[in-house]
């Protein structure tokens, strides 16, 4: 993607923290330069969506948090409805870097709405199955206000057997090294990801969002899914698109299209082939 001018990201490295998201948020509150990228070798209290715990073994994953704050010349839009695009570009930078580092074909890494990075099992040009290799967690403060800030956490399982951390993940998650059968240089992957991220943040700051790239990496188009809407319960339908303006999942339920901006895909009932 042509990104125009780049935005340099300040990098902090830590051996172990409770949560990289917490560190990034604290640094922003203390006036640290932004964008800021916090990296840790391990988290003692990493978290995912809906209060889940992020599990890791020291030295096996990339554990990162990007912190940005409101700035007329920065990537965080003054429009709260566009804040999600920062996380989307972070995920796209990661997908591009992962494919290069692991020698994967273009499109092998997909985005599973709303926040997962997954690796497709592609046979004969079609996706037969997939497993999670990473995830994104966004935490915002005062969006739309002059003091708005956003922290986006990103975790990538690079090496190690995820099932050893939690047997329940054996069927749904994996690491890059296990999935590809080849060693992955975590530092090279990190540096490539940062370079790509800086270009993408520069594009966002200039008002350009890679909506085509974001849509092309979506896993769920055409799939039959169950979406957990929290207090509203479960809704079942077919995914007919992803809205590049709002980030919403477009679900056809009994022939009526519905835009879902918040929720979680609880199950994929039937994967679209191709």
Protein backbone atom coordinates (compact mmCIF):
# COMPACT_ATOMS: atom_id res chain seq x y z
CA UNK A 1 0.00 0.00 0.00
CA UNK A 2 1.27 3.48 -0.88
CA UNK A 3 1.41 5.29 2.44
CA UNK A 4 3.00 8.66 1.71
CA UNK A 5 4.90 9.99 4.71
CA UNK A 6 5.64 7.63 7.58
CA UNK A 7 5.02 8.23 11.26
CA UNK A 8 7.87 7.11 13.50
CA UNK A 9 6.80 4.96 16.43
CA UNK A 10 8.66 5.22 19.75
CA UNK A 11 9.48 1.73 21.06
CA UNK A 12 9.72 0.57 24.67
CA UNK A 13 10.93 -2.94 25.50
CA UNK A 14 10.28 -4.84 28.73
CA UNK A 15 11.04 -8.33 29.96
CA UNK A 16 7.80 -8.81 31.89
CA UNK A 17 4.80 -6.59 32.64
CA UNK A 18 1.31 -7.18 33.94
CA UNK A 19 -0.16 -5.96 30.65
CA UNK A 20 1.38 -4.08 27.73
CA UNK A 21 -1.94 -2.25 27.30
CA UNK A 22 -1.69 -0.99 30.88
CA UNK A 23 1.89 0.19 30.36
CA UNK A 24 1.00 2.01 27.13
CA UNK A 25 -1.98 3.71 28.77
CA UNK A 26 0.14 4.80 31.74
CA UNK A 27 2.85 6.19 29.44
CA UNK A 28 0.31 8.19 27.45
CA UNK A 29 -1.20 9.58 30.65
CA UNK A 30 2.29 10.60 31.80
CA UNK A 31 2.88 12.55 28.58
CA UNK A 32 5.08 10.11 26.66
CA UNK A 33 5.62 10.78 22.96
CA UNK A 34 3.06 9.09 20.72
CA UNK A 35 2.60 6.91 18.78
CA UNK A 36 4.21 4.60 21.31
CA UNK A 37 4.74 0.86 20.92
CA UNK A 38 5.28 -1.20 24.08
CA UNK A 39 6.76 -4.68 23.71
CA UNK A 40 7.15 -7.29 26.44
CA UNK A 41 8.60 -10.80 26.45
CA UNK A 42 5.88 -11.93 28.83
CA UNK A 43 2.72 -10.68 30.48
CA UNK A 44 1.65 -11.65 33.97
CA UNK A 45 -1.94 -10.51 33.46
CA UNK A 46 -2.49 -10.24 29.71
CA UNK A 47 -6.11 -9.98 28.67
CA UNK A 48 -8.38 -10.47 25.70
CA UNK A 49 -11.95 -9.53 24.90
CA UNK A 50 -14.73 -9.93 27.47
CA UNK A 51 -12.34 -10.43 30.36
CA UNK A 52 -10.54 -13.44 28.93
CA UNK A 53 -6.93 -14.10 29.90
CA UNK A 54 -4.15 -14.02 27.29
CA UNK A 55 -1.75 -16.89 28.00
CA UNK A 56 1.90 -16.91 26.97
CA UNK A 57 5.23 -18.52 27.73
CA UNK A 58 8.14 -16.04 27.95
CA UNK A 59 9.98 -15.62 24.67
CA UNK A 60 7.42 -17.37 22.46
CA UNK A 61 5.06 -14.60 21.34
CA UNK A 62 5.08 -11.05 20.12
CA UNK A 63 3.25 -9.03 22.79
CA UNK A 64 2.72 -5.44 21.71
CA UNK A 65 0.57 -2.42 22.54
CA UNK A 66 0.26 0.67 20.38
CA UNK A 67 -0.67 3.91 22.12
CA UNK A 68 -1.94 6.95 20.20
CA UNK A 69 -3.57 10.18 21.32
CA UNK A 70 -5.67 12.88 19.68
CA UNK A 71 -3.55 14.98 17.35
CA UNK A 72 -4.57 16.99 14.30
CA UNK A 73 -1.68 15.45 12.40
CA UNK A 74 -1.84 11.95 13.89
CA UNK A 75 -3.54 8.65 12.98
CA UNK A 76 -6.32 8.87 15.59
CA UNK A 77 -9.26 10.56 13.87
CA UNK A 78 -11.26 13.24 15.65
CA UNK A 79 -14.32 11.24 14.54
CA UNK A 80 -14.92 8.53 17.19
CA UNK A 81 -16.59 6.34 14.57
CA UNK A 82 -13.24 5.98 12.78
CA UNK A 83 -11.06 5.11 15.77
CA UNK A 84 -11.37 1.39 14.98
CA UNK A 85 -9.26 1.94 11.87
CA UNK A 86 -6.09 2.27 13.96
CA UNK A 87 -6.54 -1.31 15.18
CA UNK A 88 -7.42 -2.45 11.66
CA UNK A 89 -4.21 -1.03 10.21
CA UNK A 90 -2.20 -2.58 13.08
CA UNK A 91 -3.73 -5.97 12.24
CA UNK A 92 -3.05 -5.52 8.52
CA UNK A 93 0.59 -4.62 9.20
CA UNK A 94 0.87 -7.79 11.29
CA UNK A 95 -0.75 -9.96 8.61
CA UNK A 96 1.62 -8.67 5.92
CA UNK A 97 4.68 -9.16 8.12
CA UNK A 98 3.62 -12.66 9.23
CA UNK A 99 3.21 -13.86 5.66
CA UNK A 100 6.67 -12.62 4.72
CA UNK A 101 8.36 -14.03 7.83
CA UNK A 102 6.70 -17.43 7.49
CA UNK A 103 6.95 -17.70 3.69
CA UNK A 104 3.18 -17.92 3.34
CA UNK A 105 1.15 -17.16 0.25
CA UNK A 106 -0.65 -13.83 0.06
CA UNK A 107 -3.96 -14.06 1.87
CA UNK A 108 -2.99 -17.01 4.08
CA UNK A 109 -3.39 -14.79 7.14
CA UNK A 110 -6.96 -13.59 7.52
CA UNK A 111 -8.90 -11.31 9.85
CA UNK A 112 -11.80 -12.93 11.71
CA UNK A 113 -14.22 -10.26 12.86
CA UNK A 114 -13.96 -8.57 15.22
CA UNK A 115 -10.42 -9.06 16.51
CA UNK A 116 -8.69 -12.32 15.56
CA UNK A 117 -5.75 -13.04 13.28
CA UNK A 118 -6.16 -16.52 11.83
CA UNK A 119 -4.18 -18.80 9.54
CA UNK A 120 -6.16 -20.37 6.72
CA UNK A 121 -5.73 -24.00 5.78
CA UNK A 122 -5.91 -23.61 2.00
CA UNK A 123 -6.32 -26.69 -0.20
CA UNK A 124 -6.86 -26.45 -3.92
CA UNK A 125 -7.31 -22.72 -3.70
CA UNK A 126 -10.11 -22.91 -1.11
CA UNK A 127 -10.15 -22.36 2.65
CA UNK A 128 -10.96 -25.65 4.36
CA UNK A 129 -10.37 -24.61 7.97
CA UNK A 130 -8.53 -22.04 10.07
CA UNK A 131 -6.79 -21.57 13.41
CA UNK A 132 -6.15 -18.50 15.51
CA UNK A 133 -2.56 -17.21 15.66
CA UNK A 134 -3.18 -13.83 17.26
CA UNK A 135 -5.62 -11.25 18.48
CA UNK A 136 -6.21 -7.54 18.95
CA UNK A 137 -7.69 -5.69 21.93
CA UNK A 138 -8.58 -1.98 21.71
CA UNK A 139 -9.16 0.20 24.77
CA UNK A 140 -10.18 3.83 24.24
CA UNK A 141 -10.51 6.88 26.44
CA UNK A 142 -12.59 10.01 25.74
CA UNK A 143 -12.91 9.41 22.00
CA UNK A 144 -13.97 12.58 20.20
CA UNK A 145 -12.55 14.83 22.93
CA UNK A 146 -9.31 16.85 22.70
CA UNK A 147 -7.65 14.49 25.20
CA UNK A 148 -8.75 11.29 23.44
CA UNK A 149 -6.41 8.33 23.47
CA UNK A 150 -6.43 4.78 22.18
CA UNK A 151 -4.41 1.71 23.12
CA UNK A 152 -4.40 -1.30 20.81
CA UNK A 153 -2.90 -4.53 22.08
CA UNK A 154 -1.67 -7.19 19.65
CA UNK A 155 -0.51 -10.68 20.49
CA UNK A 156 0.96 -13.13 17.97
CA UNK A 157 1.72 -16.77 18.79
CA UNK A 158 5.10 -17.27 17.14
CA UNK A 159 6.36 -20.51 18.64
CA UNK A 160 5.38 -23.15 21.16
CA UNK A 161 2.43 -25.46 21.60
CA UNK A 162 -0.61 -23.39 22.60
CA UNK A 163 -2.38 -26.52 23.85
CA UNK A 164 0.19 -26.82 26.63
CA UNK A 165 -1.04 -23.51 28.02
CA UNK A 166 -4.71 -24.42 27.69
CA UNK A 167 -5.91 -27.79 26.36
CA UNK A 168 -9.18 -26.16 25.30
CA UNK A 169 -7.28 -24.19 22.64
CA UNK A 170 -5.85 -27.25 20.89
CA UNK A 171 -8.55 -27.36 18.21
CA UNK A 172 -8.81 -23.63 17.55
CA UNK A 173 -5.37 -22.03 18.00
CA UNK A 174 -1.79 -22.64 16.96
CA UNK A 175 1.59 -20.93 16.62
CA UNK A 176 3.34 -19.88 13.43
CA UNK A 177 6.20 -22.34 13.84
CA UNK A 178 3.92 -25.31 14.47
CA UNK A 179 1.60 -24.38 11.61
CA UNK A 180 4.36 -23.80 9.06
CA UNK A 181 7.00 -26.23 10.28
CA UNK A 182 9.74 -23.65 9.94
CA UNK A 183 11.63 -21.43 12.42
CA UNK A 184 10.46 -17.83 12.70
CA UNK A 185 12.83 -15.02 13.68
CA UNK A 186 10.75 -13.05 16.18
CA UNK A 187 12.99 -9.97 16.05
CA UNK A 188 12.91 -9.81 12.25
CA UNK A 189 9.14 -10.24 12.32
CA UNK A 190 8.84 -7.44 14.87
CA UNK A 191 11.02 -4.99 12.94
CA UNK A 192 9.17 -5.68 9.69
CA UNK A 193 5.84 -5.23 11.45
CA UNK A 194 6.96 -1.88 12.89
CA UNK A 195 8.12 -0.64 9.48
CA UNK A 196 4.79 -1.58 7.92
CA UNK A 197 2.87 -0.08 10.82
CA UNK A 198 4.67 3.25 10.49
CA UNK A 199 3.69 3.47 6.84
CA UNK A 200 0.09 2.60 7.58
CA UNK A 201 -0.16 5.12 10.43
CA UNK A 202 1.21 7.76 8.09
CA UNK A 203 -1.53 6.94 5.61
CA UNK A 204 -4.21 7.16 8.31
CA UNK A 205 -2.88 10.54 9.41
CA UNK A 206 -3.23 11.70 5.80
CA UNK A 207 -6.85 10.52 5.74
CA UNK A 208 -6.30 7.25 3.86
CA UNK A 209 -7.55 3.92 5.17
CA UNK A 210 -6.69 0.69 3.36
CA UNK A 211 -10.31 -0.42 3.10
CA UNK A 212 -9.58 -2.68 0.11
CA UNK A 213 -6.84 -4.51 2.00
CA UNK A 214 -9.02 -4.77 5.09
CA UNK A 215 -11.92 -6.25 3.18
CA UNK A 216 -9.75 -8.63 1.16
CA UNK A 217 -8.40 -10.25 4.34
CA UNK A 218 -11.78 -10.91 5.93
CA UNK A 219 -12.31 -14.60 6.68
CA UNK A 220 -16.05 -14.69 7.20
CA UNK A 221 -17.53 -13.44 3.92
CA UNK A 222 -20.17 -15.96 2.87
CA UNK A 223 -19.93 -17.98 6.09
CA UNK A 224 -22.86 -19.05 8.23
CA UNK A 225 -22.13 -17.85 11.76
CA UNK A 226 -23.54 -17.43 15.24
CA UNK A 227 -22.87 -13.96 16.67
CA UNK A 228 -23.00 -13.35 20.41
CA UNK A 229 -24.52 -9.93 21.03
CA UNK A 230 -24.09 -10.07 24.79
CA UNK A 231 -27.31 -9.11 26.52
CA UNK A 232 -29.22 -9.36 23.24
CA UNK A 233 -28.41 -13.05 22.91
CA UNK A 234 -27.25 -15.05 19.89
CA UNK A 235 -28.14 -14.25 16.28
CA UNK A 236 -27.52 -16.65 13.38
CA UNK A 237 -27.05 -15.61 9.78
CA UNK A 238 -24.82 -15.44 6.72
CA UNK A 239 -22.03 -12.88 6.48
CA UNK A 240 -22.56 -10.78 3.36
CA UNK A 241 -19.90 -8.14 3.93
CA UNK A 242 -17.85 -5.89 6.19
CA UNK A 243 -18.54 -2.15 6.33
CA UNK A 244 -15.42 -0.10 5.66
CA UNK A 245 -16.97 3.01 7.20
CA UNK A 246 -17.92 1.59 10.59
CA UNK A 247 -16.07 -1.74 10.79
CA UNK A 248 -19.42 -3.49 11.20
CA UNK A 249 -20.13 -7.08 10.24
CA UNK A 250 -22.98 -7.22 7.74
CA UNK A 251 -25.14 -10.22 8.52
CA UNK A 252 -28.11 -11.49 6.54
CA UNK A 253 -30.70 -12.85 8.97
CA UNK A 254 -33.74 -14.43 7.33
CA UNK A 255 -33.05 -12.36 4.22
CA UNK A 256 -32.75 -9.05 6.11
CA UNK A 257 -29.31 -7.42 6.30
CA UNK A 258 -28.16 -6.23 9.71
CA UNK A 259 -25.03 -4.21 10.53
CA UNK A 260 -23.43 -5.46 13.75
CA UNK A 261 -20.85 -3.08 15.23
CA UNK A 262 -20.28 -4.82 18.57
CA UNK A 263 -20.40 -8.51 19.28
CA UNK A 264 -18.41 -11.68 18.85
CA UNK A 265 -18.59 -14.57 16.43
CA UNK A 266 -19.30 -17.47 18.76
CA UNK A 267 -19.25 -20.19 16.09
CA UNK A 268 -18.67 -20.58 12.39
CA UNK A 269 -21.37 -23.03 11.36
CA UNK A 270 -20.34 -23.33 7.72
CA UNK A 271 -17.25 -21.92 6.08
CA UNK A 272 -17.65 -20.43 2.62
CA UNK A 273 -15.95 -22.43 -0.15
CA UNK A 274 -14.25 -20.75 -1.86
